Each structure stands twice: as structure tokens, then as C-alpha cells.
N, C-alpha and C. Protein backbone atom coordinates (compact mmCIF):
# COMPACT_ATOMS: atom_id res chain seq x y z
N MET A 1 62.58 45.52 143.32
CA MET A 1 60.75 45.18 143.37
C MET A 1 60.59 43.36 143.65
N THR A 2 59.38 43.14 144.15
CA THR A 2 58.93 41.52 143.95
C THR A 2 58.20 41.70 142.66
N LYS A 3 58.08 40.80 142.51
CA LYS A 3 57.11 40.41 141.13
C LYS A 3 55.97 41.21 140.73
N GLU A 4 54.89 41.06 141.99
CA GLU A 4 53.86 41.58 142.15
C GLU A 4 54.35 43.46 141.97
N GLU A 5 55.20 43.94 142.30
CA GLU A 5 55.36 45.26 142.40
C GLU A 5 55.80 45.62 141.16
N VAL A 6 56.43 44.95 140.47
CA VAL A 6 56.90 44.58 139.13
C VAL A 6 55.63 44.47 137.81
N LYS A 7 54.65 43.61 138.24
CA LYS A 7 53.71 43.50 137.55
C LYS A 7 52.48 44.82 137.85
N ASN A 8 52.15 45.46 138.90
CA ASN A 8 51.52 46.48 138.87
C ASN A 8 52.38 48.02 138.45
N PHE A 9 53.40 47.75 138.59
CA PHE A 9 53.88 48.71 137.95
C PHE A 9 53.80 48.61 136.29
N LEU A 10 54.53 47.61 136.08
CA LEU A 10 53.91 47.45 134.15
C LEU A 10 52.57 47.68 134.12
N ILE A 11 51.41 47.09 134.77
CA ILE A 11 50.00 47.79 134.81
C ILE A 11 49.62 49.28 134.73
N LYS A 12 50.22 49.74 135.54
CA LYS A 12 50.16 50.71 136.00
C LYS A 12 51.09 52.01 134.68
N LEU A 13 51.34 51.96 134.44
CA LEU A 13 52.58 52.56 133.24
C LEU A 13 51.88 52.26 131.65
N PHE A 14 51.04 51.52 131.77
CA PHE A 14 50.54 50.29 130.88
C PHE A 14 49.52 49.73 130.70
N PRO A 15 48.02 50.87 131.16
CA PRO A 15 47.05 49.71 131.79
C PRO A 15 46.38 49.33 130.62
N ASN A 16 46.78 49.00 129.32
CA ASN A 16 46.33 47.61 128.98
C ASN A 16 46.79 46.11 128.74
N PHE A 17 47.82 46.42 129.40
CA PHE A 17 48.56 45.31 129.57
C PHE A 17 47.34 44.54 130.85
N SER A 18 47.09 44.91 131.57
CA SER A 18 46.54 44.25 132.32
C SER A 18 45.25 42.86 131.41
N GLU A 19 44.71 43.37 130.60
CA GLU A 19 43.82 42.59 129.59
C GLU A 19 44.74 41.55 129.19
N VAL A 20 45.99 41.90 128.48
CA VAL A 20 46.56 40.56 128.43
C VAL A 20 47.11 39.57 129.50
N TRP A 21 47.46 40.29 130.45
CA TRP A 21 48.28 39.85 132.01
C TRP A 21 47.17 39.04 131.98
N ASP A 22 45.49 38.97 132.02
CA ASP A 22 44.42 38.70 133.15
C ASP A 22 43.44 37.84 132.69
N SER A 23 43.69 37.48 130.58
CA SER A 23 43.31 36.89 130.09
C SER A 23 43.13 35.40 129.95
N THR A 24 42.17 34.06 129.68
CA THR A 24 42.69 32.82 129.71
C THR A 24 44.04 32.51 128.88
N ASP A 25 44.01 33.14 127.96
CA ASP A 25 45.23 32.95 127.49
C ASP A 25 46.57 33.09 128.11
N ASN A 26 46.95 33.90 128.73
CA ASN A 26 47.97 33.77 129.61
C ASN A 26 48.55 32.38 129.94
N TYR A 27 49.56 31.49 129.67
CA TYR A 27 49.71 31.15 130.46
C TYR A 27 51.39 30.36 130.89
N GLN A 28 51.50 32.03 131.36
CA GLN A 28 52.78 31.77 132.14
C GLN A 28 52.09 32.46 134.00
N ARG A 29 50.96 32.23 133.70
CA ARG A 29 50.32 32.54 135.05
C ARG A 29 49.84 30.87 135.89
N GLY A 30 50.48 30.63 136.78
CA GLY A 30 49.94 29.24 137.28
C GLY A 30 48.07 29.38 137.58
N GLU A 31 47.62 28.34 137.89
CA GLU A 31 45.96 27.50 137.99
C GLU A 31 45.91 28.64 139.42
N ASP A 32 46.54 28.78 140.52
CA ASP A 32 47.01 29.48 141.95
C ASP A 32 47.16 31.09 141.39
N GLY A 33 47.59 31.32 140.79
CA GLY A 33 47.87 32.61 140.17
C GLY A 33 49.10 33.06 140.26
N SER A 34 50.09 31.93 140.57
CA SER A 34 51.39 32.22 140.34
C SER A 34 52.36 32.70 139.33
N TYR A 35 53.22 33.27 139.59
CA TYR A 35 54.66 34.13 138.18
C TYR A 35 55.45 33.84 138.49
N THR A 36 56.20 33.88 137.80
CA THR A 36 57.91 34.07 137.68
C THR A 36 58.12 35.44 137.10
N TYR A 37 59.22 35.84 137.23
CA TYR A 37 59.58 36.69 136.68
C TYR A 37 59.64 37.24 135.10
N HIS A 38 59.77 36.03 135.19
CA HIS A 38 60.42 35.50 133.32
C HIS A 38 59.02 35.14 132.42
N GLY A 39 58.07 34.78 133.28
CA GLY A 39 56.54 34.62 132.53
C GLY A 39 56.04 35.68 132.65
N LEU A 40 56.03 36.90 133.36
CA LEU A 40 55.98 37.88 133.18
C LEU A 40 56.49 39.02 132.17
N PHE A 41 57.46 38.72 131.67
CA PHE A 41 58.63 39.81 130.94
C PHE A 41 58.35 38.74 129.73
N ILE A 42 57.37 37.05 129.50
CA ILE A 42 57.72 37.01 128.30
C ILE A 42 55.75 37.07 127.57
N GLU A 43 55.17 37.40 128.27
CA GLU A 43 54.16 37.95 128.35
C GLU A 43 53.94 39.40 127.85
N PHE A 44 54.95 40.51 128.55
CA PHE A 44 54.65 41.57 128.43
C PHE A 44 55.45 42.33 126.65
N SER A 45 56.30 41.07 126.70
CA SER A 45 57.20 41.14 125.17
C SER A 45 56.10 41.38 124.35
N PRO A 46 55.53 40.46 123.91
CA PRO A 46 54.23 40.60 122.48
C PRO A 46 53.67 41.76 122.86
N PHE A 47 53.21 42.07 123.92
CA PHE A 47 52.13 43.15 124.35
C PHE A 47 53.26 44.88 123.82
N PHE A 48 54.01 44.61 124.06
CA PHE A 48 55.22 45.65 124.13
C PHE A 48 55.31 45.61 122.50
N ILE A 49 55.51 44.55 121.95
CA ILE A 49 55.80 44.58 120.10
C ILE A 49 54.61 45.17 119.85
N ASN A 50 53.42 44.46 120.13
CA ASN A 50 51.85 44.93 119.28
C ASN A 50 51.32 46.11 119.67
N ASN A 51 51.96 47.04 120.58
CA ASN A 51 51.30 47.96 121.10
C ASN A 51 52.27 49.70 121.11
N ILE A 52 53.48 49.43 120.39
CA ILE A 52 54.78 50.28 120.65
C ILE A 52 54.03 51.38 119.84
N ASN A 53 53.49 51.60 118.87
CA ASN A 53 53.26 52.91 118.34
C ASN A 53 52.11 53.53 118.72
N SER A 54 51.74 53.02 120.50
CA SER A 54 50.72 53.74 120.63
C SER A 54 51.65 53.49 122.03
N PHE A 55 52.88 53.75 122.16
CA PHE A 55 52.89 54.20 123.74
C PHE A 55 53.87 56.11 123.51
N SER A 56 53.61 56.27 124.58
CA SER A 56 53.91 58.04 124.54
C SER A 56 55.17 57.66 124.95
N ASP A 57 56.51 58.97 125.06
CA ASP A 57 57.54 59.38 125.22
C ASP A 57 57.81 59.01 126.62
N VAL A 58 56.84 59.48 127.48
CA VAL A 58 57.01 59.40 128.31
C VAL A 58 57.18 58.03 129.37
N GLN A 59 56.12 57.58 128.67
CA GLN A 59 55.95 55.66 129.05
C GLN A 59 57.62 54.98 129.29
N LEU A 60 57.74 55.20 127.81
CA LEU A 60 58.92 54.67 127.68
C LEU A 60 60.43 55.08 128.46
N LYS A 61 60.28 56.11 128.73
CA LYS A 61 60.86 56.77 129.38
C LYS A 61 60.62 56.22 131.04
N GLU A 62 59.72 56.27 131.43
CA GLU A 62 59.92 55.38 132.57
C GLU A 62 59.97 54.06 132.69
N LEU A 63 59.67 53.15 131.80
CA LEU A 63 60.27 51.56 131.56
C LEU A 63 61.60 51.74 131.79
N PHE A 64 62.31 52.04 130.87
CA PHE A 64 63.89 52.11 130.27
C PHE A 64 64.41 53.13 131.74
N SER A 65 63.74 53.67 132.48
CA SER A 65 65.23 53.97 133.41
C SER A 65 64.57 52.88 134.58
N ASN A 66 63.34 52.39 134.93
CA ASN A 66 63.53 51.17 135.69
C ASN A 66 64.17 50.50 135.40
N ILE A 67 64.05 50.32 133.96
CA ILE A 67 64.95 48.46 133.47
C ILE A 67 66.51 49.25 133.82
N GLU A 68 67.24 49.98 133.68
CA GLU A 68 68.44 50.62 134.53
C GLU A 68 68.87 50.17 136.02
N LYS A 69 67.48 50.28 137.08
CA LYS A 69 67.76 50.17 137.72
C LYS A 69 67.16 48.93 138.13
N TRP A 70 66.99 48.22 137.56
CA TRP A 70 66.68 46.67 137.39
C TRP A 70 67.71 46.20 137.41
N GLU A 71 68.47 46.58 136.58
CA GLU A 71 70.00 45.40 136.20
C GLU A 71 70.75 45.35 137.37
N VAL A 72 71.55 43.90 137.48
CA VAL A 72 72.37 43.76 138.59
C VAL A 72 73.16 42.74 138.21
N LYS A 73 74.33 42.98 138.22
CA LYS A 73 75.63 41.53 138.22
C LYS A 73 75.22 40.61 138.91
N GLU A 74 75.00 39.71 137.78
CA GLU A 74 74.44 38.11 138.50
C GLU A 74 75.76 36.92 138.58
N THR A 75 75.81 37.09 139.74
CA THR A 75 76.52 36.08 140.44
C THR A 75 76.38 34.53 140.65
N ALA A 76 74.96 34.56 140.30
CA ALA A 76 74.44 32.61 140.91
C ALA A 76 74.87 31.61 140.37
N SER A 77 75.41 30.91 140.37
CA SER A 77 75.71 29.71 139.56
C SER A 77 74.61 29.18 138.13
N PHE A 78 74.53 27.91 137.94
CA PHE A 78 73.46 27.25 136.86
C PHE A 78 73.36 26.58 138.07
N GLU A 79 73.63 26.24 138.74
CA GLU A 79 73.02 25.52 140.07
C GLU A 79 72.68 26.40 141.03
N ASP A 80 72.76 27.05 141.35
CA ASP A 80 72.16 28.09 142.21
C ASP A 80 70.25 28.35 141.07
N TRP A 81 70.42 28.84 139.94
CA TRP A 81 69.39 28.64 139.02
C TRP A 81 68.21 27.10 139.53
N GLN A 82 68.83 26.24 139.02
CA GLN A 82 68.31 24.67 139.02
C GLN A 82 67.67 24.47 139.82
N ASN A 83 68.33 25.12 141.78
CA ASN A 83 68.09 24.85 143.01
C ASN A 83 67.19 26.11 143.38
N ASN A 84 66.68 26.79 142.16
CA ASN A 84 65.96 28.20 143.04
C ASN A 84 66.21 28.89 143.83
N LYS A 85 67.88 29.17 143.78
CA LYS A 85 68.10 29.96 144.82
C LYS A 85 68.72 30.62 143.99
N VAL A 86 68.50 31.61 143.33
CA VAL A 86 68.54 32.88 142.82
C VAL A 86 67.59 34.50 143.53
N ASN A 87 68.44 35.12 143.95
CA ASN A 87 67.47 36.47 144.54
C ASN A 87 67.04 37.07 144.06
N GLU A 88 65.60 37.51 144.30
CA GLU A 88 64.52 37.84 143.51
C GLU A 88 65.36 39.68 142.76
N GLU A 89 66.21 40.01 143.42
CA GLU A 89 67.16 41.17 142.91
C GLU A 89 67.52 40.39 141.24
N GLU A 90 68.63 39.06 140.89
CA GLU A 90 69.10 38.77 140.46
C GLU A 90 67.45 38.33 139.15
N GLN A 91 67.14 37.10 139.62
CA GLN A 91 65.92 37.02 138.60
C GLN A 91 65.12 37.66 137.61
N LEU A 92 64.79 38.95 138.75
CA LEU A 92 64.11 40.48 137.56
C LEU A 92 65.49 40.59 136.49
N SER A 93 66.62 41.12 136.98
CA SER A 93 67.34 41.79 135.93
C SER A 93 67.59 40.92 135.03
N ASN A 94 67.69 39.41 134.90
CA ASN A 94 67.81 38.13 134.20
C ASN A 94 66.49 38.11 133.22
N ALA A 95 65.34 38.41 133.81
CA ALA A 95 64.13 38.51 133.26
C ALA A 95 64.13 39.09 132.44
N VAL A 96 64.41 40.37 132.51
CA VAL A 96 63.81 41.29 131.98
C VAL A 96 65.17 41.87 130.60
N PHE A 97 65.94 41.13 131.34
CA PHE A 97 67.08 41.46 130.13
C PHE A 97 66.34 40.35 128.99
N THR A 98 66.73 38.37 129.11
CA THR A 98 66.83 38.15 128.47
C THR A 98 64.86 37.55 127.96
N CYS A 99 64.39 38.36 128.63
CA CYS A 99 63.07 37.73 128.34
C CYS A 99 62.14 39.14 127.82
N PHE A 100 62.56 40.49 128.14
CA PHE A 100 62.38 41.36 127.27
C PHE A 100 62.73 41.99 126.08
N LEU A 101 63.76 42.64 126.67
CA LEU A 101 65.15 42.98 125.93
C LEU A 101 65.94 42.37 124.57
N GLU A 102 65.43 41.07 125.04
CA GLU A 102 66.13 39.79 123.86
C GLU A 102 65.44 39.91 122.67
N ASN A 103 63.56 39.60 123.26
CA ASN A 103 62.18 39.43 122.55
C ASN A 103 62.17 41.10 121.56
N ILE A 104 62.38 41.94 121.96
CA ILE A 104 62.47 43.40 121.24
C ILE A 104 63.38 43.78 120.50
N ALA A 105 64.30 42.84 120.32
CA ALA A 105 65.85 43.09 119.86
C ALA A 105 65.14 42.81 118.50
N GLY A 106 65.68 43.47 117.00
CA GLY A 106 65.46 43.11 116.05
C GLY A 106 63.89 43.07 115.72
N GLU A 107 63.11 43.76 116.24
CA GLU A 107 61.81 43.86 115.36
C GLU A 107 61.51 45.57 114.66
N GLY A 108 62.57 46.00 114.64
CA GLY A 108 62.59 47.54 114.06
C GLY A 108 62.40 48.56 114.86
N PHE A 109 62.92 48.40 116.32
CA PHE A 109 62.24 49.71 116.74
C PHE A 109 63.26 50.83 117.44
N SER A 110 64.58 50.30 117.10
CA SER A 110 65.97 50.78 117.50
C SER A 110 66.00 52.56 116.99
N GLU A 111 65.25 53.11 116.36
CA GLU A 111 65.16 54.59 116.72
C GLU A 111 64.12 54.76 117.39
N ARG A 112 63.35 54.31 117.65
CA ARG A 112 62.23 54.62 118.64
C ARG A 112 62.68 54.76 119.90
N LEU A 113 62.96 53.31 120.47
CA LEU A 113 63.48 53.11 121.73
C LEU A 113 64.68 53.72 122.55
N LYS A 114 66.13 53.27 121.44
CA LYS A 114 67.43 53.85 121.74
C LYS A 114 68.02 55.48 122.37
N PRO A 115 66.30 56.73 122.27
CA PRO A 115 66.81 57.83 122.86
C PRO A 115 66.18 57.70 123.90
N PHE A 116 65.62 56.54 124.90
CA PHE A 116 64.74 56.17 126.20
C PHE A 116 65.92 55.41 126.98
N MET A 117 66.51 54.34 126.42
CA MET A 117 67.44 53.48 126.76
C MET A 117 68.55 54.13 127.55
N GLY A 118 68.72 53.80 128.81
CA GLY A 118 70.15 53.58 128.98
C GLY A 118 71.31 53.19 128.81
N GLU A 119 72.67 53.26 129.61
CA GLU A 119 73.95 52.63 129.17
C GLU A 119 73.45 51.19 129.16
N LYS A 120 73.36 50.55 130.12
CA LYS A 120 73.03 49.13 130.62
C LYS A 120 72.06 48.28 129.34
N SER A 121 70.96 48.88 129.48
CA SER A 121 69.94 48.17 128.38
C SER A 121 70.18 48.73 126.68
N LEU A 122 70.99 49.61 126.61
CA LEU A 122 71.39 49.85 125.08
C LEU A 122 72.45 49.25 124.58
N GLU A 123 73.87 48.79 125.84
CA GLU A 123 74.36 48.06 125.32
C GLU A 123 74.02 46.55 124.93
N TYR A 124 73.04 46.27 126.12
CA TYR A 124 72.77 44.47 126.40
C TYR A 124 71.70 44.95 124.91
N TYR A 125 70.56 45.13 124.95
CA TYR A 125 69.71 45.26 123.11
C TYR A 125 71.00 45.72 121.73
N SER A 126 71.52 45.90 122.75
CA SER A 126 72.37 46.22 120.47
C SER A 126 73.40 44.63 120.35
N HIS A 127 73.75 43.53 121.03
CA HIS A 127 74.28 42.90 120.82
C HIS A 127 73.04 41.90 120.23
N TYR A 128 71.74 41.77 120.33
CA TYR A 128 70.78 41.61 119.86
C TYR A 128 69.85 41.83 119.00
N ASP A 129 70.02 43.31 118.81
CA ASP A 129 69.46 44.18 117.28
C ASP A 129 70.44 44.24 116.27
N HIS A 130 69.85 42.65 115.06
CA HIS A 130 69.92 42.89 113.91
C HIS A 130 69.19 42.60 112.84
């Protein structure tokens, strides 16, 4: 999925996220409107943490179902990342896992979230959920 498709998916699934994303306080969006997958999930994480109690089971199921689809085995080297030569699929996967799952782990949501997580997200999340 492209960055725009992921952003639109998140806003469609969690409509109030559009207020956060469009806010002047969103420092993850450039003046020209550009952003990265990582920036998108850096901004989404606190929104998710602050609003988790208002999310339905359907929303959580849909989110974590997609997270399972977005996870890919990363093959890019450190140099590839430095030189901006990482494909979008790996960028998305890395962003979801490092800028979302890591950020929400340890927040006391395990009981609420684990029933919706797939094998890949649960394994990753469990490493950071202390």
C-alpha cells in the first residue's frame, strides 16, 4: 500500500485521526504535505494510545488484520536505508512494527489487544510489552 492508501485506511477506520493528522501540531508532515510511513505511525501511536477505550472490536480486528498483511521480511541493508533505496513494502512493515507496535507495547493494553493480533504482530509486540 502507498503512504496515501495507508493514511486513508487509518482515517477511514479511525475517523477522529484526521483531526490529529491535519493539525498544525503534526510535525510528521512537511510543509509541502510530504510524510513517511514512519511519520504516519509516529503520529498515529499516541492517538491510538489516547483513544483505545473508544475503539470497537471491529476496528481493532480490521487494524491488526492489515498489520499482519503489511509485515514482510526485511532484506534492505543499513546502507539501503541511508541511501533511501528501500522499497515501500519494507518501509511500511518497518514503520508499523517499530513506530506503532513498539510504541503501544507496555501501555497496559495487552489484554484488550492480544485477541485481535495475528501471529506476526503478537510475536513482535510481546518482545516489547514489559
